[in-house]
Amino acid sequence: MSAAGTTSGRSNSASFWFIVFLALIAAQAISLYLMGRVPICTCGYVKLFEPGVNTPGNSQHISDWYTPSHIIHGFLFYLAGYLIFRRRSFGFRLTFAAVVEIAWELLENSPIIIDRYRSATIANGYEGDSILNSVMDTVAMAIGFLFASRAPIWLTVVIAIGFELLTGWIIRDNLTLNVLMLVWPVDAIREWQAAL
């Protein structure tokens, strides 16, 4: 096969997987809409970043303090895809990551998880994500995935730890604490988080 043919094949393959990714995003948005999620914040406008954590705007706009957690999802899903699907294409592994992330986003916005957040964490007023925020969480995961595919491992690890420390310091929450409090709530951590 000629070099031109190889390049064209790679381009077509990348285009195919990009279309698959967009189709999954569309399916996510439609599913969330059918679940009763609002398209954007009920405040009626869209912000690039929502700085409040226990505010009505949290999980409603393009990004918030939980966006770094979704970028870390991308780091972790890249590692999982590499270990499990090492012989499959990059596009296939990104699709795998998107399916897992979208499955979590749909579960996270189901009544059972929303109620769990309200009862087990400090997110007493949590009502779920807007469709915009949920879709952007998936995009943030994809950005993390793409970054991990190109960056040195040490840099990816340093950034993940940095994100966890930064959000832990600023909002007293991060991916690690979020998972812990969702699965096995610790009263001392909840009290510490509520004191912010």
C-alpha atoms as a PDB file:
ATOM      1  CA  MET A   1       0.000   0.000   0.000  1.00  0.00           C
ATOM      2  CA  SER A   2       1.273   3.474  -0.829  1.00  0.00           C
ATOM      3  CA  ALA A   3       2.002   6.117   1.788  1.00  0.00           C
ATOM      4  CA  ALA A   4      -0.902   8.165   0.427  1.00  0.00           C
ATOM      5  CA  GLY A   5      -3.241   5.214   0.810  1.00  0.00           C
ATOM      6  CA  THR A   6      -2.112   4.661   4.390  1.00  0.00           C
ATOM      7  CA  THR A   7      -2.643   8.312   5.283  1.00  0.00           C
ATOM      8  CA  SER A   8      -6.063   8.302   3.658  1.00  0.00           C
ATOM      9  CA  GLY A   9      -7.015   5.130   5.558  1.00  0.00           C
ATOM     10  CA  ARG A  10      -5.991   6.685   8.861  1.00  0.00           C
ATOM     11  CA  SER A  11      -7.904   9.857   8.053  1.00  0.00           C
ATOM     12  CA  ASN A  12     -11.054   7.931   7.152  1.00  0.00           C
ATOM     13  CA  SER A  13     -10.732   5.857  10.303  1.00  0.00           C
ATOM     14  CA  ALA A  14     -10.308   8.983  12.456  1.00  0.00           C
ATOM     15  CA  SER A  15     -13.319  10.566  10.743  1.00  0.00           C
ATOM     16  CA  PHE A  16     -15.391   7.455  11.364  1.00  0.00           C
ATOM     17  CA  TRP A  17     -14.584   7.367  15.081  1.00  0.00           C
ATOM     18  CA  PHE A  18     -15.190  11.113  15.391  1.00  0.00           C
ATOM     19  CA  ILE A  19     -18.663  10.621  13.887  1.00  0.00           C
ATOM     20  CA  VAL A  20     -19.271   7.723  16.294  1.00  0.00           C
ATOM     21  CA  PHE A  21     -18.235   9.969  19.209  1.00  0.00           C
ATOM     22  CA  LEU A  22     -20.605  12.732  18.058  1.00  0.00           C
ATOM     23  CA  ALA A  23     -23.417  10.182  17.669  1.00  0.00           C
ATOM     24  CA  LEU A  24     -22.820   8.995  21.239  1.00  0.00           C
ATOM     25  CA  ILE A  25     -22.920  12.597  22.494  1.00  0.00           C
ATOM     26  CA  ALA A  26     -26.216  13.113  20.641  1.00  0.00           C
ATOM     27  CA  ALA A  27     -27.603   9.902  22.147  1.00  0.00           C
ATOM     28  CA  GLN A  28     -26.512  11.103  25.593  1.00  0.00           C
ATOM     29  CA  ALA A  29     -28.290  14.435  25.142  1.00  0.00           C
ATOM     30  CA  ILE A  30     -31.468  12.794  23.854  1.00  0.00           C
ATOM     31  CA  SER A  31     -31.467  10.249  26.693  1.00  0.00           C
ATOM     32  CA  LEU A  32     -31.031  12.979  29.301  1.00  0.00           C
ATOM     33  CA  TYR A  33     -33.850  14.974  27.715  1.00  0.00           C
ATOM     34  CA  LEU A  34     -36.122  11.931  27.848  1.00  0.00           C
ATOM     35  CA  MET A  35     -35.136  11.530  31.518  1.00  0.00           C
ATOM     36  CA  GLY A  36     -36.480  15.029  32.144  1.00  0.00           C
ATOM     37  CA  ARG A  37     -33.171  16.881  32.445  1.00  0.00           C
ATOM     38  CA  VAL A  38     -33.196  20.580  31.518  1.00  0.00           C
ATOM     39  CA  PRO A  39     -31.153  21.625  28.456  1.00  0.00           C
ATOM     40  CA  ILE A  40     -29.393  24.517  30.226  1.00  0.00           C
ATOM     41  CA  CYS A  41     -29.483  26.130  33.646  1.00  0.00           C
ATOM     42  CA  THR A  42     -33.007  27.152  34.622  1.00  0.00           C
ATOM     43  CA  CYS A  43     -31.487  30.580  35.339  1.00  0.00           C
ATOM     44  CA  GLY A  44     -31.815  31.097  31.585  1.00  0.00           C
ATOM     45  CA  TYR A  45     -28.195  31.784  30.673  1.00  0.00           C
ATOM     46  CA  VAL A  46     -24.968  29.846  30.106  1.00  0.00           C
ATOM     47  CA  LYS A  47     -21.697  30.497  31.911  1.00  0.00           C
ATOM     48  CA  LEU A  48     -18.284  29.195  30.900  1.00  0.00           C
ATOM     49  CA  PHE A  49     -17.467  28.398  34.537  1.00  0.00           C
ATOM     50  CA  GLU A  50     -19.647  28.142  37.645  1.00  0.00           C
ATOM     51  CA  PRO A  51     -17.496  28.913  40.712  1.00  0.00           C
ATOM     52  CA  GLY A  52     -20.146  28.054  43.308  1.00  0.00           C
ATOM     53  CA  VAL A  53     -20.317  24.510  44.645  1.00  0.00           C
ATOM     54  CA  ASN A  54     -23.464  24.413  46.765  1.00  0.00           C
ATOM     55  CA  THR A  55     -25.337  26.789  44.481  1.00  0.00           C
ATOM     56  CA  PRO A  56     -28.215  26.296  42.029  1.00  0.00           C
ATOM     57  CA  GLY A  57     -25.760  26.913  39.158  1.00  0.00           C
ATOM     58  CA  ASN A  58     -23.457  24.024  40.050  1.00  0.00           C
ATOM     59  CA  SER A  59     -23.604  21.210  37.475  1.00  0.00           C
ATOM     60  CA  GLN A  60     -25.666  23.447  35.201  1.00  0.00           C
ATOM     61  CA  HIS A  61     -23.130  25.335  33.094  1.00  0.00           C
ATOM     62  CA  ILE A  62     -20.259  24.488  30.720  1.00  0.00           C
ATOM     63  CA  SER A  63     -17.732  23.777  33.463  1.00  0.00           C
ATOM     64  CA  ASP A  64     -17.398  23.854  37.240  1.00  0.00           C
ATOM     65  CA  TRP A  65     -15.099  22.608  39.971  1.00  0.00           C
ATOM     66  CA  TYR A  66     -15.997  19.006  39.069  1.00  0.00           C
ATOM     67  CA  THR A  67     -14.689  19.344  35.489  1.00  0.00           C
ATOM     68  CA  PRO A  68     -11.155  18.286  36.588  1.00  0.00           C
ATOM     69  CA  SER A  69     -12.667  15.026  37.883  1.00  0.00           C
ATOM     70  CA  HIS A  70     -13.985  14.274  34.403  1.00  0.00           C
ATOM     71  CA  ILE A  71     -10.614  15.061  32.870  1.00  0.00           C
ATOM     72  CA  ILE A  72      -9.130  12.519  35.301  1.00  0.00           C
ATOM     73  CA  HIS A  73     -11.793  10.053  34.116  1.00  0.00           C
ATOM     74  CA  GLY A  74     -10.218  10.465  30.681  1.00  0.00           C
ATOM     75  CA  PHE A  75      -6.763   9.724  32.086  1.00  0.00           C
ATOM     76  CA  LEU A  76      -8.058   6.574  33.787  1.00  0.00           C
ATOM     77  CA  PHE A  77     -10.100   5.422  30.790  1.00  0.00           C
ATOM     78  CA  TYR A  78      -7.097   5.865  28.521  1.00  0.00           C
ATOM     79  CA  LEU A  79      -5.110   3.575  30.832  1.00  0.00           C
ATOM     80  CA  ALA A  80      -7.954   1.039  30.992  1.00  0.00           C
ATOM     81  CA  GLY A  81      -8.427   1.106  27.223  1.00  0.00           C
ATOM     82  CA  TYR A  82      -4.715   0.658  26.679  1.00  0.00           C
ATOM     83  CA  LEU A  83      -4.565  -2.326  29.049  1.00  0.00           C
ATOM     84  CA  ILE A  84      -7.772  -4.028  27.901  1.00  0.00           C
ATOM     85  CA  PHE A  85      -7.875  -3.124  24.201  1.00  0.00           C
ATOM     86  CA  ARG A  86      -4.193  -2.692  23.415  1.00  0.00           C
ATOM     87  CA  ARG A  87      -4.570  -4.191  19.927  1.00  0.00           C
ATOM     88  CA  ARG A  88      -7.612  -2.120  19.024  1.00  0.00           C
ATOM     89  CA  SER A  89      -7.489   1.282  17.367  1.00  0.00           C
ATOM     90  CA  PHE A  90      -7.256   4.552  19.239  1.00  0.00           C
ATOM     91  CA  GLY A  91     -10.742   5.441  17.995  1.00  0.00           C
ATOM     92  CA  PHE A  92     -12.174   2.217  19.366  1.00  0.00           C
ATOM     93  CA  ARG A  93     -10.591   2.907  22.774  1.00  0.00           C
ATOM     94  CA  LEU A  94     -11.936   6.465  22.820  1.00  0.00           C
ATOM     95  CA  THR A  95     -15.375   5.109  21.951  1.00  0.00           C
ATOM     96  CA  PHE A  96     -15.080   2.628  24.825  1.00  0.00           C
ATOM     97  CA  ALA A  97     -14.206   5.527  27.151  1.00  0.00           C
ATOM     98  CA  ALA A  98     -17.128   7.594  25.869  1.00  0.00           C
ATOM     99  CA  VAL A  99     -19.583   4.737  26.390  1.00  0.00           C
ATOM    100  CA  VAL A 100     -18.410   4.260  29.991  1.00  0.00           C
ATOM    101  CA  GLU A 101     -18.517   8.007  30.711  1.00  0.00           C
ATOM    102  CA  ILE A 102     -21.959   8.413  29.158  1.00  0.00           C
ATOM    103  CA  ALA A 103     -23.270   5.396  31.076  1.00  0.00           C
ATOM    104  CA  TRP A 104     -22.065   7.056  34.285  1.00  0.00           C
ATOM    105  CA  GLU A 105     -23.603  10.400  33.286  1.00  0.00           C
ATOM    106  CA  LEU A 106     -26.975   8.738  32.715  1.00  0.00           C
ATOM    107  CA  LEU A 107     -26.734   6.829  35.995  1.00  0.00           C
ATOM    108  CA  GLU A 108     -25.572   9.945  37.854  1.00  0.00           C
ATOM    109  CA  ASN A 109     -28.692  11.756  36.683  1.00  0.00           C
ATOM    110  CA  SER A 110     -31.064   8.972  37.654  1.00  0.00           C
ATOM    111  CA  PRO A 111     -33.242   9.357  40.766  1.00  0.00           C
ATOM    112  CA  ILE A 112     -31.357   6.625  42.649  1.00  0.00           C
ATOM    113  CA  ILE A 113     -27.964   8.383  42.393  1.00  0.00           C
ATOM    114  CA  ILE A 114     -29.400  11.872  42.870  1.00  0.00           C
ATOM    115  CA  ASP A 115     -31.041  10.645  46.089  1.00  0.00           C
ATOM    116  CA  ARG A 116     -27.792   8.966  47.112  1.00  0.00           C
ATOM    117  CA  TYR A 117     -25.866  12.223  46.649  1.00  0.00           C
ATOM    118  CA  ARG A 118     -28.448  14.052  48.752  1.00  0.00           C
ATOM    119  CA  SER A 119     -28.403  11.526  51.575  1.00  0.00           C
ATOM    120  CA  ALA A 120     -24.738  10.497  51.690  1.00  0.00           C
ATOM    121  CA  THR A 121     -22.843  13.653  50.715  1.00  0.00           C
ATOM    122  CA  ILE A 122     -23.022  17.388  51.376  1.00  0.00           C
ATOM    123  CA  ALA A 123     -24.898  17.880  48.078  1.00  0.00           C
ATOM    124  CA  ASN A 124     -28.241  18.271  49.845  1.00  0.00           C
ATOM    125  CA  GLY A 125     -29.786  20.391  47.104  1.00  0.00           C
ATOM    126  CA  TYR A 126     -28.346  18.449  44.164  1.00  0.00           C
ATOM    127  CA  GLU A 127     -30.951  17.997  41.442  1.00  0.00           C
ATOM    128  CA  GLY A 128     -28.787  16.518  38.708  1.00  0.00           C
ATOM    129  CA  ASP A 129     -26.936  18.022  35.766  1.00  0.00           C
ATOM    130  CA  SER A 130     -28.265  20.103  32.924  1.00  0.00           C
ATOM    131  CA  ILE A 131     -27.894  18.424  29.541  1.00  0.00           C
ATOM    132  CA  LEU A 132     -25.236  20.994  28.619  1.00  0.00           C
ATOM    133  CA  ASN A 133     -23.185  20.267  31.740  1.00  0.00           C
ATOM    134  CA  SER A 134     -23.467  16.503  31.356  1.00  0.00           C
ATOM    135  CA  VAL A 135     -22.413  16.606  27.691  1.00  0.00           C
ATOM    136  CA  MET A 136     -19.506  18.898  28.560  1.00  0.00           C
ATOM    137  CA  ASP A 137     -18.461  16.429  31.269  1.00  0.00           C
ATOM    138  CA  THR A 138     -18.142  13.816  28.518  1.00  0.00           C
ATOM    139  CA  VAL A 139     -16.183  16.284  26.374  1.00  0.00           C
ATOM    140  CA  ALA A 140     -13.878  16.961  29.371  1.00  0.00           C
ATOM    141  CA  MET A 141     -13.322  13.212  29.682  1.00  0.00           C
ATOM    142  CA  ALA A 142     -12.398  13.052  25.981  1.00  0.00           C
ATOM    143  CA  ILE A 143      -9.948  15.939  26.450  1.00  0.00           C
ATOM    144  CA  GLY A 144      -8.328  14.037  29.326  1.00  0.00           C
ATOM    145  CA  PHE A 145      -8.212  10.884  27.201  1.00  0.00           C
ATOM    146  CA  LEU A 146      -6.548  12.707  24.302  1.00  0.00           C
ATOM    147  CA  PHE A 147      -4.089  14.412  26.641  1.00  0.00           C
ATOM    148  CA  ALA A 148      -3.116  11.103  28.266  1.00  0.00           C
ATOM    149  CA  SER A 149      -2.572   9.566  24.820  1.00  0.00           C
ATOM    150  CA  ARG A 150       0.067  12.174  23.950  1.00  0.00           C
ATOM    151  CA  ALA A 151       1.619  13.324  27.228  1.00  0.00           C
ATOM    152  CA  PRO A 152       4.322  11.523  29.195  1.00  0.00           C
ATOM    153  CA  ILE A 153       2.912   9.277  31.901  1.00  0.00           C
ATOM    154  CA  TRP A 154       4.644  11.250  34.648  1.00  0.00           C
ATOM    155  CA  LEU A 155       2.999  14.489  33.488  1.00  0.00           C
ATOM    156  CA  THR A 156      -0.457  12.904  33.365  1.00  0.00           C
ATOM    157  CA  VAL A 157       0.008  11.553  36.906  1.00  0.00           C
ATOM    158  CA  VAL A 158       1.276  14.921  38.192  1.00  0.00           C
ATOM    159  CA  ILE A 159      -1.703  16.749  36.665  1.00  0.00           C
ATOM    160  CA  ALA A 160      -4.169  14.224  38.108  1.00  0.00           C
ATOM    161  CA  ILE A 161      -2.667  14.601  41.587  1.00  0.00           C
ATOM    162  CA  GLY A 162      -2.584  18.380  41.136  1.00  0.00           C
ATOM    163  CA  PHE A 163      -6.273  18.458  40.189  1.00  0.00           C
ATOM    164  CA  GLU A 164      -7.183  16.310  43.191  1.00  0.00           C
ATOM    165  CA  LEU A 165      -5.179  18.479  45.609  1.00  0.00           C
ATOM    166  CA  LEU A 166      -6.430  21.740  44.111  1.00  0.00           C
ATOM    167  CA  THR A 167     -10.121  20.861  44.193  1.00  0.00           C
ATOM    168  CA  GLY A 168      -9.730  19.182  47.581  1.00  0.00           C
ATOM    169  CA  TRP A 169      -8.249  22.403  48.927  1.00  0.00           C
ATOM    170  CA  ILE A 170     -10.657  24.841  47.243  1.00  0.00           C
ATOM    171  CA  ILE A 171     -14.005  23.016  47.503  1.00  0.00           C
ATOM    172  CA  ARG A 172     -13.156  20.174  49.917  1.00  0.00           C
ATOM    173  CA  ASP A 173     -14.196  17.674  47.283  1.00  0.00           C
ATOM    174  CA  ASN A 174     -12.552  15.834  44.388  1.00  0.00           C
ATOM    175  CA  LEU A 175     -12.874  12.581  42.460  1.00  0.00           C
ATOM    176  CA  THR A 176     -11.461  10.467  45.285  1.00  0.00           C
ATOM    177  CA  LEU A 177     -13.706  11.986  47.950  1.00  0.00           C
ATOM    178  CA  ASN A 178     -16.710  11.950  45.633  1.00  0.00           C
ATOM    179  CA  VAL A 179     -16.383   8.217  45.007  1.00  0.00           C
ATOM    180  CA  LEU A 180     -15.664   7.477  48.672  1.00  0.00           C
ATOM    181  CA  MET A 181     -18.654   9.447  49.927  1.00  0.00           C
ATOM    182  CA  LEU A 182     -20.949   7.928  47.328  1.00  0.00           C
ATOM    183  CA  VAL A 183     -19.901   4.340  48.077  1.00  0.00           C
ATOM    184  CA  TRP A 184     -18.983   4.466  51.767  1.00  0.00           C
ATOM    185  CA  PRO A 185     -19.894   7.765  53.460  1.00  0.00           C
ATOM    186  CA  VAL A 186     -17.646   8.891  56.311  1.00  0.00           C
ATOM    187  CA  ASP A 187     -19.262  11.251  58.824  1.00  0.00           C
ATOM    188  CA  ALA A 188     -15.991  13.007  59.657  1.00  0.00           C
ATOM    189  CA  ILE A 189     -15.410  13.837  55.974  1.00  0.00           C
ATOM    190  CA  ARG A 190     -18.988  15.053  55.529  1.00  0.00           C
ATOM    191  CA  GLU A 191     -18.617  17.337  58.560  1.00  0.00           C
ATOM    192  CA  TRP A 192     -15.292  18.672  57.246  1.00  0.00           C
ATOM    193  CA  GLN A 193     -16.819  19.331  53.822  1.00  0.00           C
ATOM    194  CA  ALA A 194     -19.897  21.009  55.315  1.00  0.00           C
ATOM    195  CA  ALA A 195     -17.718  23.394  57.324  1.00  0.00           C
ATOM    196  CA  LEU A 196     -16.578  25.166  54.133  1.00  0.00           C
END
